[in-house]
Amino acid sequence: MYSRINPLKFALALLFAVSLIPSPPTYGQSSKTGPEELYGGIEIGSKGIKATAIRVSDNENGYSVKLIYAEVINTAAPQLKDNKFSPEIIQETALAVQKLLTRMRQEYKVPLERIGVIGRSGLRAGNPEDLIKAVKDLTGVTMSFPDVETEAQLSIAGAIPQRYRAKSGWADNRGQSVLLDIGSDNIKGGYQVIRQMGAGSPDYDYVTVAIPKGTDAFTNEINQATGEAADLATFTQRAKLLSSTSIRTALRKEMERKPGLVNRQHVYLTGDIVWAMITLFYPEDRRTFIPITAEDILYFHHKVTRNPESLQALLNPDLTKKISNPRLRAEAEKEIEAVRNAFSPKNLIAGAEILKAVTTEFNLIGKKVRFARYGYLAWILSYVRLQAEQ
């Protein structure tokens, strides 16, 4: 979709979104600034609930932003039953939001009136008002549901660094980059384009994409074709067939209408399945942006879809020789455990097929592809930054 959000709000978001996160978050540290400079956000998604808090300070350039708190609670929330949020899931979700909000207020001193609670656009249900009411009753905060286009625009501004250092100085990065967020509900992202104004500073438009073909959505599509009781071999076979007729066809239609998706040479990948691949392949690499090759993705697909033994070996790596630092090894083992908890074997197979389709259709071979480690916070960070400016 080619469109623009409110120009004033968008300009403010860009003002803050120089890069996703310049340094890893710090935990358990007290703020040296007043509470009027602290802002928070809580995001409810199909894989869990994420919390973010930032400190906004004045400086000679206008503002600086620092992430002071980030936490994820992996819950079953809020899955649908008969196209509705069940009472049990609503209660579990509201309690998790209350827990995160209380921690944000008590440990990080973020004022209640400056904490936003947001539901992802992929949470389509016939009773969103029930979830809104439950959160309101427990926390006093009224949550909102931004649409998928707004999510994509804020994700681009939050996940792609605004510039990079070239030999001749600083160069525009967003003008030659594209973001693809492969989530549980959909594939979304897009790119920024500059629009020259008749006078004054240039303005920006965003070309966004949203395809309802995320890992959970594709898993469900395959299950409908095979039956949920199908074994992994049958599921894998059908996943490969549907990848061609479903995933690749959907990607190709978007590329035909939006050539920047395939023509740009810098690609930022984020989303749960990309995180899973990087965690399993490179558990020792803790950088904010990690290079990915097309070969990495194809090898991941091979390991996941080859047979159950290959998949189990991938999910249970021996890190004793790979990571000598005990603290780093413990951190990596904890993250690998999080992957095992977040993905069923069928989820991984579906996700691997999506990644392979993206690699082929977007012609990632030879491009500069990076995993944005903190991409899962990108759009909520941008949203919170907007709230801070307002």
Foldseek 3Di string as FASTA:
>chain_A
DWDDDDQVLLVLLLLALQAQAPDDADPQDEDPDDLLQKAKEWEFEQQWIKIWMWGWDQDPSGIYIHTHDIDTDGDNPQDDDPQAGDPVRLLVRLVVVLVRVVCCCPRHVHDLVRYAYEYEQLSGGPCVVSSQVSNCVRRVHGYYYDHPVLLQSLLLSNHWRQWDADPVGIDGGQCQEWEWAQEQQWIKYWGKDWAQDPDDDIGIITDMDIGRQHLNSLLVVLCVVVPVPDDLLSSLVSLLVCLVVPQLVRVLVSCVVPVSLQPGQEYEYEYDLVLLLCLLPPLLDPDQKAWDALVSLVVLLCQLNVDPVSNVCSLDDDCVVVDVDPVSVVVSVVVSVVSVVSDDSSSNNNNSSNSNSCCVNSVNHPGGYIYRNCSVCRSVVSVSSSSSVD
